N, C-alpha and C. Protein backbone atom coordinates (compact mmCIF):
# COMPACT_ATOMS: atom_id res chain seq x y z
N MET A 1 -2.14 -185.87 -7.51
CA MET A 1 -1.18 -185.90 -6.63
C MET A 1 -0.71 -187.03 -6.01
N ASN A 2 0.36 -187.49 -5.97
CA ASN A 2 0.66 -188.93 -5.40
C ASN A 2 0.68 -188.71 -3.67
N GLN A 3 0.71 -189.58 -3.16
CA GLN A 3 0.80 -189.85 -1.67
C GLN A 3 2.08 -189.16 -1.00
N ASN A 4 3.10 -189.36 -1.57
CA ASN A 4 4.21 -188.81 -0.98
C ASN A 4 4.47 -187.41 -0.99
N TYR A 5 3.78 -186.55 -1.93
CA TYR A 5 3.78 -185.06 -1.76
C TYR A 5 2.80 -184.64 -0.80
N SER A 6 1.75 -185.28 -0.69
CA SER A 6 0.71 -185.04 0.48
C SER A 6 1.14 -185.04 1.77
N THR A 7 1.89 -186.19 2.08
CA THR A 7 2.44 -186.68 3.27
C THR A 7 3.64 -185.45 3.72
N LYS A 8 4.48 -185.35 2.70
CA LYS A 8 5.41 -184.28 3.05
C LYS A 8 4.77 -182.81 3.20
N TRP A 9 3.75 -182.48 2.63
CA TRP A 9 3.23 -181.16 2.53
C TRP A 9 2.57 -181.04 4.00
N TRP A 10 1.87 -182.31 4.63
CA TRP A 10 1.28 -182.11 5.99
C TRP A 10 2.40 -182.01 6.94
N ALA A 11 3.35 -182.65 6.85
CA ALA A 11 4.46 -182.58 7.76
C ALA A 11 5.11 -181.19 7.88
N ALA A 12 5.28 -180.63 6.60
CA ALA A 12 5.72 -179.01 6.51
C ALA A 12 4.80 -178.10 7.36
N PHE A 13 3.43 -178.60 7.01
CA PHE A 13 2.39 -177.77 7.50
C PHE A 13 2.44 -177.83 9.09
N THR A 14 2.55 -179.06 9.64
CA THR A 14 2.41 -179.35 11.26
C THR A 14 3.80 -178.71 11.80
N CYS A 15 4.95 -178.66 11.18
CA CYS A 15 6.04 -177.91 11.66
C CYS A 15 5.96 -176.42 11.57
N ILE A 16 5.23 -176.11 10.81
CA ILE A 16 5.17 -174.51 10.55
C ILE A 16 4.17 -174.10 11.57
N ALA A 17 3.01 -174.92 11.82
CA ALA A 17 2.16 -174.58 12.86
C ALA A 17 3.05 -174.69 14.18
N PHE A 18 3.55 -175.65 14.58
CA PHE A 18 4.30 -175.71 15.89
C PHE A 18 5.25 -174.57 16.03
N LEU A 19 5.99 -174.23 15.02
CA LEU A 19 6.74 -172.67 15.07
C LEU A 19 5.91 -171.59 15.37
N GLU A 20 4.64 -171.57 14.67
CA GLU A 20 3.92 -170.45 14.92
C GLU A 20 3.29 -170.43 16.30
N ALA A 21 3.19 -171.52 16.78
CA ALA A 21 2.59 -171.60 18.24
C ALA A 21 3.76 -171.12 19.16
N ILE A 22 5.02 -171.71 18.98
CA ILE A 22 6.04 -171.26 19.77
C ILE A 22 6.18 -169.54 19.77
N LEU A 23 6.10 -169.02 18.62
CA LEU A 23 6.37 -167.85 18.48
C LEU A 23 5.18 -166.84 19.14
N LEU A 24 3.92 -167.53 18.86
CA LEU A 24 2.77 -166.59 19.59
C LEU A 24 2.97 -166.76 21.14
N ILE A 25 3.36 -167.83 21.70
CA ILE A 25 3.77 -168.21 23.09
C ILE A 25 4.62 -166.99 23.53
N MET A 26 5.75 -166.96 22.84
CA MET A 26 6.90 -165.86 23.10
C MET A 26 6.23 -164.55 22.92
N LEU A 27 5.37 -164.15 22.07
CA LEU A 27 4.65 -162.83 22.10
C LEU A 27 3.78 -162.53 23.21
N LEU A 28 2.99 -163.44 23.64
CA LEU A 28 1.99 -163.55 24.83
C LEU A 28 2.79 -163.25 26.04
N SER A 29 3.95 -163.84 26.22
CA SER A 29 4.83 -163.66 27.40
C SER A 29 5.46 -162.60 27.53
N GLY A 30 5.48 -161.71 26.61
CA GLY A 30 6.01 -160.24 26.83
C GLY A 30 7.25 -159.74 26.17
N GLN A 31 7.68 -160.92 25.37
CA GLN A 31 9.03 -160.81 24.77
C GLN A 31 8.73 -160.10 23.16
N THR A 32 8.22 -158.88 23.43
CA THR A 32 7.86 -158.25 22.03
C THR A 32 9.17 -157.62 21.22
N SER A 33 9.35 -158.05 20.09
CA SER A 33 9.95 -157.25 19.21
C SER A 33 9.82 -157.28 17.72
N ILE A 34 10.48 -156.34 16.93
CA ILE A 34 9.84 -156.39 15.62
C ILE A 34 10.28 -157.61 14.93
N GLN A 35 11.36 -158.36 15.14
CA GLN A 35 11.61 -159.66 14.49
C GLN A 35 10.56 -160.64 14.77
N LEU A 36 10.37 -160.71 16.14
CA LEU A 36 9.28 -161.65 16.40
C LEU A 36 7.75 -161.40 15.82
N ILE A 37 7.32 -160.28 15.65
CA ILE A 37 6.33 -159.87 14.83
C ILE A 37 6.08 -160.28 13.39
N LEU A 38 7.41 -160.02 12.83
CA LEU A 38 7.69 -160.29 11.49
C LEU A 38 7.77 -161.75 11.17
N ALA A 39 8.43 -162.37 12.12
CA ALA A 39 8.46 -163.99 12.06
C ALA A 39 6.96 -164.54 12.13
N ILE A 40 6.06 -164.08 13.03
CA ILE A 40 4.82 -164.54 13.14
C ILE A 40 3.84 -164.24 11.72
N VAL A 41 4.13 -162.97 11.19
CA VAL A 41 3.43 -162.64 9.94
C VAL A 41 3.87 -163.59 9.06
N VAL A 42 5.34 -163.95 8.77
CA VAL A 42 5.67 -164.67 7.59
C VAL A 42 5.24 -166.04 7.90
N ILE A 43 5.23 -166.66 9.06
CA ILE A 43 4.98 -168.00 9.38
C ILE A 43 3.46 -168.27 9.05
N ALA A 44 2.52 -167.21 9.79
CA ALA A 44 1.09 -167.13 9.35
C ALA A 44 0.61 -167.24 7.97
N MET A 45 1.43 -166.56 6.90
CA MET A 45 1.39 -166.53 5.66
C MET A 45 1.75 -167.81 5.02
N LEU A 46 2.97 -168.61 5.58
CA LEU A 46 3.06 -169.91 5.02
C LEU A 46 1.89 -170.90 5.48
N LEU A 47 1.32 -170.69 6.67
CA LEU A 47 0.26 -171.58 7.01
C LEU A 47 -0.84 -171.51 6.05
N PHE A 48 -1.18 -170.05 5.66
CA PHE A 48 -2.28 -169.68 4.81
C PHE A 48 -2.05 -170.39 3.45
N LEU A 49 -0.71 -170.27 2.77
CA LEU A 49 -0.52 -170.77 1.63
C LEU A 49 -0.32 -172.32 1.34
N SER A 50 0.08 -173.00 2.74
CA SER A 50 0.57 -174.46 2.33
C SER A 50 -0.41 -175.10 1.83
N PRO A 51 -1.76 -174.90 1.96
CA PRO A 51 -2.59 -175.97 1.40
C PRO A 51 -2.76 -175.77 -0.02
N ARG A 52 -2.42 -174.64 -0.40
CA ARG A 52 -2.54 -174.62 -2.04
C ARG A 52 -1.10 -174.96 -2.73
N LEU A 53 -0.09 -175.41 -1.66
CA LEU A 53 1.12 -175.85 -2.46
C LEU A 53 1.10 -177.12 -3.28
N ASP A 54 0.04 -178.10 -2.89
CA ASP A 54 -0.01 -179.34 -3.88
C ASP A 54 -0.55 -178.93 -5.08
N ASP A 55 -1.28 -177.94 -5.28
CA ASP A 55 -1.80 -177.37 -6.71
C ASP A 55 -0.71 -177.02 -7.41
N VAL A 56 -0.01 -176.16 -6.74
CA VAL A 56 1.13 -175.29 -7.49
C VAL A 56 2.27 -176.65 -7.79
N ILE A 57 2.32 -177.54 -7.02
CA ILE A 57 3.46 -178.49 -7.51
C ILE A 57 2.81 -179.46 -8.41
N SER A 58 1.46 -179.77 -8.45
CA SER A 58 0.84 -180.52 -9.46
C SER A 58 0.86 -179.79 -10.77
N PHE A 59 0.78 -178.52 -10.65
CA PHE A 59 0.64 -177.85 -11.91
C PHE A 59 2.09 -177.75 -12.74
N THR A 60 3.25 -177.50 -11.76
CA THR A 60 4.70 -177.49 -12.28
C THR A 60 5.27 -178.76 -12.72
N PHE A 61 4.73 -179.97 -12.02
CA PHE A 61 5.38 -181.35 -12.12
C PHE A 61 4.46 -181.96 -13.27
N ASP A 62 3.34 -181.72 -13.46
CA ASP A 62 2.45 -182.17 -14.54
C ASP A 62 2.36 -181.36 -15.65
N ARG A 63 3.17 -180.77 -16.03
CA ARG A 63 3.14 -179.95 -17.22
C ARG A 63 2.61 -180.83 -18.57
N GLY A 64 3.00 -182.07 -18.67
CA GLY A 64 2.52 -182.78 -19.59
C GLY A 64 1.30 -183.08 -19.62
N SER A 65 0.66 -183.24 -18.49
CA SER A 65 -0.82 -183.57 -18.41
C SER A 65 -1.55 -182.10 -18.80
N PHE A 66 -1.00 -181.03 -18.37
CA PHE A 66 -1.51 -179.77 -18.70
C PHE A 66 -1.61 -179.49 -20.25
N ASP A 67 -0.49 -179.86 -20.97
CA ASP A 67 -0.31 -179.75 -22.36
C ASP A 67 -1.47 -180.67 -23.12
N ASN A 68 -1.71 -181.88 -22.42
CA ASN A 68 -2.58 -182.69 -23.00
C ASN A 68 -3.90 -182.13 -22.85
N LYS A 69 -4.27 -181.57 -21.87
CA LYS A 69 -5.74 -180.86 -21.52
C LYS A 69 -5.72 -179.66 -22.57
N ILE A 70 -4.67 -179.11 -22.81
CA ILE A 70 -4.86 -177.96 -23.84
C ILE A 70 -4.93 -178.48 -25.34
N ASN A 71 -4.34 -179.59 -25.70
CA ASN A 71 -4.56 -180.22 -26.84
C ASN A 71 -5.88 -180.76 -26.95
N SER A 72 -6.41 -181.28 -25.77
CA SER A 72 -7.65 -181.82 -26.07
C SER A 72 -8.75 -180.75 -26.16
N MET A 73 -8.68 -179.68 -25.68
CA MET A 73 -9.67 -178.40 -25.37
C MET A 73 -9.48 -177.93 -27.12
N ASN A 74 -8.36 -177.89 -27.78
CA ASN A 74 -8.06 -177.38 -28.97
C ASN A 74 -8.83 -178.27 -30.13
N LYS A 75 -8.71 -179.62 -29.74
CA LYS A 75 -9.38 -180.51 -30.74
C LYS A 75 -11.00 -180.27 -30.60
N LYS A 76 -11.51 -180.12 -29.29
CA LYS A 76 -12.78 -179.96 -29.09
C LYS A 76 -13.31 -178.51 -29.80
N VAL A 77 -12.58 -177.54 -29.60
CA VAL A 77 -12.76 -176.28 -30.27
C VAL A 77 -12.80 -176.55 -31.98
N THR A 78 -11.94 -177.06 -32.42
CA THR A 78 -11.95 -177.54 -33.71
C THR A 78 -12.86 -178.30 -34.46
N THR A 79 -13.44 -179.27 -33.50
CA THR A 79 -14.53 -179.99 -33.90
C THR A 79 -15.89 -179.22 -33.95
N ALA A 80 -15.95 -178.38 -32.89
CA ALA A 80 -17.22 -177.49 -32.75
C ALA A 80 -17.34 -176.58 -33.80
N LYS A 81 -15.98 -176.06 -34.18
CA LYS A 81 -16.05 -175.14 -35.31
C LYS A 81 -16.36 -175.69 -36.70
N ALA A 82 -16.04 -176.69 -36.77
CA ALA A 82 -16.34 -177.67 -38.03
C ALA A 82 -17.67 -177.92 -38.21
N ARG A 83 -18.40 -178.25 -37.04
CA ARG A 83 -19.82 -178.58 -37.03
C ARG A 83 -20.60 -177.27 -37.25
N ALA A 84 -20.09 -176.05 -36.65
CA ALA A 84 -21.02 -175.21 -36.94
C ALA A 84 -20.85 -174.56 -38.41
N ASP A 85 -19.62 -174.54 -38.73
CA ASP A 85 -19.34 -174.26 -40.23
C ASP A 85 -20.39 -175.19 -41.34
N LYS A 86 -20.11 -176.51 -40.83
CA LYS A 86 -21.16 -177.39 -41.71
C LYS A 86 -22.77 -177.09 -41.58
N MET A 87 -23.07 -176.69 -40.30
CA MET A 87 -24.38 -176.47 -40.12
C MET A 87 -24.83 -175.40 -40.83
N ILE A 88 -23.95 -174.29 -40.95
CA ILE A 88 -24.18 -172.85 -41.76
C ILE A 88 -24.19 -173.32 -43.22
N LEU A 89 -23.26 -174.07 -43.64
CA LEU A 89 -23.08 -174.45 -45.16
C LEU A 89 -24.40 -174.97 -45.57
N LEU A 90 -24.89 -175.97 -44.69
CA LEU A 90 -25.98 -176.88 -44.97
C LEU A 90 -27.40 -176.29 -44.72
N SER A 91 -27.40 -174.91 -44.25
CA SER A 91 -28.63 -174.40 -43.81
C SER A 91 -29.32 -173.87 -44.97
N MET A 92 -28.53 -173.51 -46.47
CA MET A 92 -29.29 -173.12 -47.32
C MET A 92 -29.94 -174.35 -48.25
N THR A 93 -31.28 -173.94 -48.45
CA THR A 93 -32.05 -175.01 -49.25
C THR A 93 -31.43 -175.50 -50.50
N LYS A 94 -31.76 -176.66 -50.67
CA LYS A 94 -31.18 -177.30 -52.03
C LYS A 94 -31.33 -176.45 -53.27
N SER A 95 -32.61 -175.86 -53.35
CA SER A 95 -33.25 -175.36 -54.39
C SER A 95 -32.38 -174.09 -54.42
N THR A 96 -32.48 -173.18 -53.27
CA THR A 96 -31.46 -171.97 -53.27
C THR A 96 -30.19 -172.17 -53.79
N TYR A 97 -29.56 -173.25 -53.20
CA TYR A 97 -28.25 -173.49 -53.55
C TYR A 97 -28.09 -173.92 -55.16
N ASP A 98 -28.99 -174.73 -55.39
CA ASP A 98 -28.88 -174.86 -57.03
C ASP A 98 -29.12 -173.75 -58.06
N HIS A 99 -29.89 -172.85 -57.37
CA HIS A 99 -30.04 -171.81 -58.25
C HIS A 99 -28.62 -170.71 -58.35
N LEU A 100 -28.03 -170.68 -57.03
CA LEU A 100 -26.60 -169.91 -57.05
C LEU A 100 -25.79 -170.52 -57.79
N LYS A 101 -25.56 -171.80 -57.84
CA LYS A 101 -24.74 -172.56 -58.84
C LYS A 101 -24.86 -172.33 -60.24
N LYS A 102 -26.47 -172.34 -60.63
CA LYS A 102 -26.57 -171.97 -62.00
C LYS A 102 -26.42 -170.79 -62.53
N ILE A 103 -26.79 -169.56 -61.34
CA ILE A 103 -26.17 -168.26 -61.77
C ILE A 103 -24.64 -168.04 -61.91
N GLY A 104 -24.00 -168.99 -60.95
CA GLY A 104 -22.69 -168.90 -61.11
C GLY A 104 -21.97 -169.54 -62.30
N SER A 105 -22.59 -170.31 -62.88
CA SER A 105 -22.26 -171.06 -63.99
C SER A 105 -22.25 -170.04 -65.37
N GLY A 106 -22.96 -168.97 -65.25
CA GLY A 106 -23.26 -168.07 -66.50
C GLY A 106 -24.24 -168.49 -67.21
N ASN A 107 -24.69 -169.66 -67.12
CA ASN A 107 -25.89 -170.03 -68.00
C ASN A 107 -27.00 -170.73 -67.37
N PHE A 108 -27.89 -169.89 -66.80
CA PHE A 108 -28.79 -170.39 -65.73
C PHE A 108 -29.90 -171.00 -66.52
N GLY A 109 -30.16 -170.61 -67.50
CA GLY A 109 -31.10 -171.39 -68.45
C GLY A 109 -32.42 -170.75 -68.38
N SER A 110 -33.48 -171.09 -69.18
CA SER A 110 -34.66 -170.31 -69.16
C SER A 110 -35.39 -170.37 -67.88
N TYR A 111 -36.06 -169.45 -67.29
CA TYR A 111 -36.64 -169.33 -66.10
C TYR A 111 -38.13 -168.58 -65.99
N LYS A 112 -38.62 -168.91 -65.17
CA LYS A 112 -39.88 -167.86 -64.91
C LYS A 112 -39.75 -167.49 -63.44
N MET A 113 -39.73 -166.05 -63.33
CA MET A 113 -39.55 -165.41 -62.10
C MET A 113 -41.00 -165.57 -61.05
N THR A 114 -40.95 -166.72 -60.62
CA THR A 114 -41.96 -166.94 -59.60
C THR A 114 -41.73 -166.39 -58.30
N GLU A 115 -42.74 -166.31 -57.46
CA GLU A 115 -42.61 -165.79 -56.16
C GLU A 115 -41.42 -166.49 -55.42
N ASN A 116 -41.22 -167.73 -55.49
CA ASN A 116 -40.27 -168.38 -55.04
C ASN A 116 -39.09 -168.16 -55.38
N LEU A 117 -38.84 -168.01 -56.85
CA LEU A 117 -37.55 -167.80 -57.37
C LEU A 117 -37.18 -166.19 -56.97
N GLU A 118 -38.24 -165.33 -56.98
CA GLU A 118 -37.83 -163.80 -56.60
C GLU A 118 -37.29 -163.75 -55.17
N ARG A 119 -37.97 -164.44 -54.27
CA ARG A 119 -37.56 -164.75 -52.73
C ARG A 119 -36.23 -165.08 -52.63
N GLU A 120 -35.94 -166.10 -53.49
CA GLU A 120 -34.54 -166.76 -53.30
C GLU A 120 -33.49 -165.80 -53.84
N VAL A 121 -33.81 -165.00 -55.03
CA VAL A 121 -32.87 -164.02 -55.55
C VAL A 121 -32.60 -163.03 -54.54
N TYR A 122 -33.62 -162.67 -53.81
CA TYR A 122 -33.72 -161.65 -52.99
C TYR A 122 -32.77 -162.10 -51.57
N HIS A 123 -32.85 -163.25 -51.28
CA HIS A 123 -32.04 -163.81 -50.21
C HIS A 123 -30.75 -163.98 -50.56
N LEU A 124 -30.26 -164.53 -51.73
CA LEU A 124 -29.02 -164.43 -52.23
C LEU A 124 -28.36 -163.16 -52.24
N LEU A 125 -29.21 -162.02 -52.65
CA LEU A 125 -28.69 -160.71 -52.61
C LEU A 125 -28.36 -160.26 -51.30
N ASP A 126 -29.31 -160.49 -50.35
CA ASP A 126 -29.03 -160.16 -48.78
C ASP A 126 -27.96 -160.88 -48.18
N LEU A 127 -27.41 -162.24 -48.87
CA LEU A 127 -26.29 -162.92 -48.14
C LEU A 127 -25.04 -162.28 -48.85
N GLY A 128 -25.09 -161.69 -49.83
CA GLY A 128 -24.20 -161.20 -50.49
C GLY A 128 -23.55 -162.13 -51.64
N TYR A 129 -24.20 -163.08 -51.62
CA TYR A 129 -23.50 -164.14 -52.87
C TYR A 129 -23.72 -163.86 -54.33
N ILE A 130 -24.61 -162.98 -54.69
CA ILE A 130 -24.93 -162.49 -55.88
C ILE A 130 -25.24 -161.00 -55.98
N ASP A 131 -24.78 -160.36 -57.18
CA ASP A 131 -25.13 -158.76 -57.39
C ASP A 131 -25.96 -158.75 -58.50
N ASN A 132 -26.80 -157.72 -58.60
CA ASN A 132 -27.77 -157.78 -59.55
C ASN A 132 -27.48 -156.60 -60.60
N ILE A 133 -27.14 -157.15 -61.96
CA ILE A 133 -26.96 -156.15 -63.01
C ILE A 133 -27.86 -155.19 -62.98
N GLU A 134 -29.17 -155.53 -63.22
CA GLU A 134 -30.26 -154.73 -63.01
C GLU A 134 -31.23 -154.89 -61.89
N ARG A 135 -31.97 -153.97 -61.66
CA ARG A 135 -33.11 -154.27 -60.32
C ARG A 135 -33.76 -155.49 -60.44
N VAL A 136 -33.99 -156.01 -59.64
CA VAL A 136 -34.86 -157.45 -59.47
C VAL A 136 -36.15 -157.28 -60.16
N ARG A 137 -36.69 -156.05 -59.71
CA ARG A 137 -38.01 -155.88 -60.28
C ARG A 137 -38.05 -155.55 -61.91
N SER A 138 -37.04 -155.09 -62.40
CA SER A 138 -36.60 -154.83 -63.80
C SER A 138 -36.43 -156.26 -64.77
N ILE A 139 -36.17 -157.40 -63.99
CA ILE A 139 -35.79 -158.49 -64.61
C ILE A 139 -37.19 -159.21 -65.26
N PRO A 140 -36.99 -159.54 -66.45
CA PRO A 140 -38.28 -160.06 -67.07
C PRO A 140 -38.85 -161.29 -66.36
N TYR A 141 -40.23 -161.59 -66.38
CA TYR A 141 -40.85 -162.52 -65.65
C TYR A 141 -40.12 -163.80 -66.30
N GLU A 142 -40.00 -163.84 -67.50
CA GLU A 142 -39.68 -164.97 -68.47
C GLU A 142 -38.75 -164.93 -69.28
N ALA A 143 -37.48 -165.64 -69.36
CA ALA A 143 -36.43 -165.30 -70.34
C ALA A 143 -35.67 -166.45 -70.41
N ASP A 144 -34.57 -166.44 -71.57
CA ASP A 144 -33.68 -167.59 -71.70
C ASP A 144 -32.71 -167.80 -70.68
N ASN A 145 -32.33 -166.72 -70.13
CA ASN A 145 -30.80 -166.73 -69.11
C ASN A 145 -31.06 -165.76 -68.01
N LEU A 146 -31.47 -166.35 -66.76
CA LEU A 146 -31.10 -165.37 -65.83
C LEU A 146 -29.78 -164.90 -65.26
N SER A 147 -28.94 -165.65 -65.84
CA SER A 147 -27.53 -165.19 -65.58
C SER A 147 -27.15 -163.75 -66.26
N ALA A 148 -28.13 -163.52 -67.44
CA ALA A 148 -27.70 -162.18 -67.85
C ALA A 148 -28.34 -160.99 -67.00
N TYR A 149 -28.76 -161.27 -65.89
CA TYR A 149 -29.27 -160.37 -65.05
C TYR A 149 -28.33 -160.35 -63.69
N LEU A 150 -27.94 -161.49 -63.46
CA LEU A 150 -27.45 -161.57 -62.08
C LEU A 150 -26.15 -162.04 -62.20
N LYS A 151 -25.25 -161.96 -61.47
CA LYS A 151 -23.87 -162.36 -61.28
C LYS A 151 -23.33 -162.63 -59.98
N ILE A 152 -22.63 -163.62 -59.84
CA ILE A 152 -22.15 -164.25 -58.64
C ILE A 152 -21.00 -163.43 -58.12
N THR A 153 -20.97 -163.39 -56.91
CA THR A 153 -19.80 -162.62 -56.05
C THR A 153 -18.71 -163.75 -55.73
N ASP A 154 -17.67 -163.10 -55.40
CA ASP A 154 -16.51 -163.93 -54.65
C ASP A 154 -16.98 -164.62 -53.48
N ALA A 155 -17.87 -164.02 -52.57
CA ALA A 155 -18.55 -164.97 -51.55
C ALA A 155 -19.38 -165.89 -51.96
N GLY A 156 -19.93 -165.59 -53.03
CA GLY A 156 -21.01 -166.82 -53.59
C GLY A 156 -19.93 -168.05 -54.11
N LYS A 157 -18.87 -167.51 -54.74
CA LYS A 157 -18.21 -168.61 -55.25
C LYS A 157 -17.60 -169.26 -54.18
N GLN A 158 -17.07 -168.66 -53.20
CA GLN A 158 -16.67 -169.25 -52.10
C GLN A 158 -17.45 -170.30 -51.25
N PHE A 159 -18.66 -169.98 -51.13
CA PHE A 159 -19.79 -170.40 -50.56
C PHE A 159 -19.87 -171.74 -51.29
N ILE A 160 -20.03 -171.74 -52.69
CA ILE A 160 -20.27 -172.88 -53.41
C ILE A 160 -19.18 -173.82 -53.36
N GLU A 161 -17.76 -173.53 -53.37
CA GLU A 161 -16.70 -174.39 -52.97
C GLU A 161 -16.67 -174.99 -51.59
N LEU A 162 -16.87 -174.22 -50.47
CA LEU A 162 -17.05 -174.77 -49.32
C LEU A 162 -18.19 -175.92 -49.12
N ARG A 163 -19.40 -175.51 -50.02
CA ARG A 163 -20.35 -176.41 -49.55
C ARG A 163 -20.23 -177.80 -50.56
N LYS A 164 -19.53 -177.61 -51.47
CA LYS A 164 -19.18 -178.80 -52.45
C LYS A 164 -18.07 -179.79 -51.52
N SER A 165 -17.39 -179.03 -50.93
CA SER A 165 -16.13 -180.05 -49.89
C SER A 165 -16.91 -180.44 -48.78
N VAL A 166 -18.08 -179.75 -48.12
CA VAL A 166 -18.91 -180.34 -47.03
C VAL A 166 -19.64 -181.46 -47.66
N GLU A 167 -20.32 -181.46 -48.71
CA GLU A 167 -21.24 -182.51 -49.42
C GLU A 167 -20.21 -183.66 -49.78
N GLU A 168 -19.02 -183.41 -50.05
CA GLU A 168 -18.36 -184.53 -50.18
C GLU A 168 -17.71 -185.30 -49.09
N ASP A 169 -17.42 -184.60 -47.95
CA ASP A 169 -17.06 -185.33 -46.65
C ASP A 169 -18.35 -186.29 -46.17
N LYS A 170 -19.46 -185.98 -46.66
CA LYS A 170 -20.63 -186.71 -45.99
C LYS A 170 -20.65 -188.23 -46.16
């Protein structure tokens, strides 16, 4: 707030305080009336609110500054969201991500259902990125194409696309 507004408001505050003092003296001298009491209450409210008037004026007159603050906050929220999205997308191990891409391609190729691969398959099922055509325990330990037993979901396809775009941005 610039100095002119502060000086003006302190002058107004002083005048209001002076009027309040005169009205209180009139009240104490025995000149009681409804109008006098009402005037004292109104001026007391003005005295109470006058220190906040600078804030109200700064809010109304510095609207551009307020808009800039909102835009700045929106940028920070967008940046934080992008970072969170990136963190989630990159939290999947490269091995699991590669297996998801291979399943999505429809041609996984030959495989051995090791403990690690089985754990990754269950993990991808839990995330909803793949569906099993057969129960995981029914999938042969070794075969030519794991994609014959598992299929990628729309969520899995979307995850792959998002991760590709994040990796390209690196």
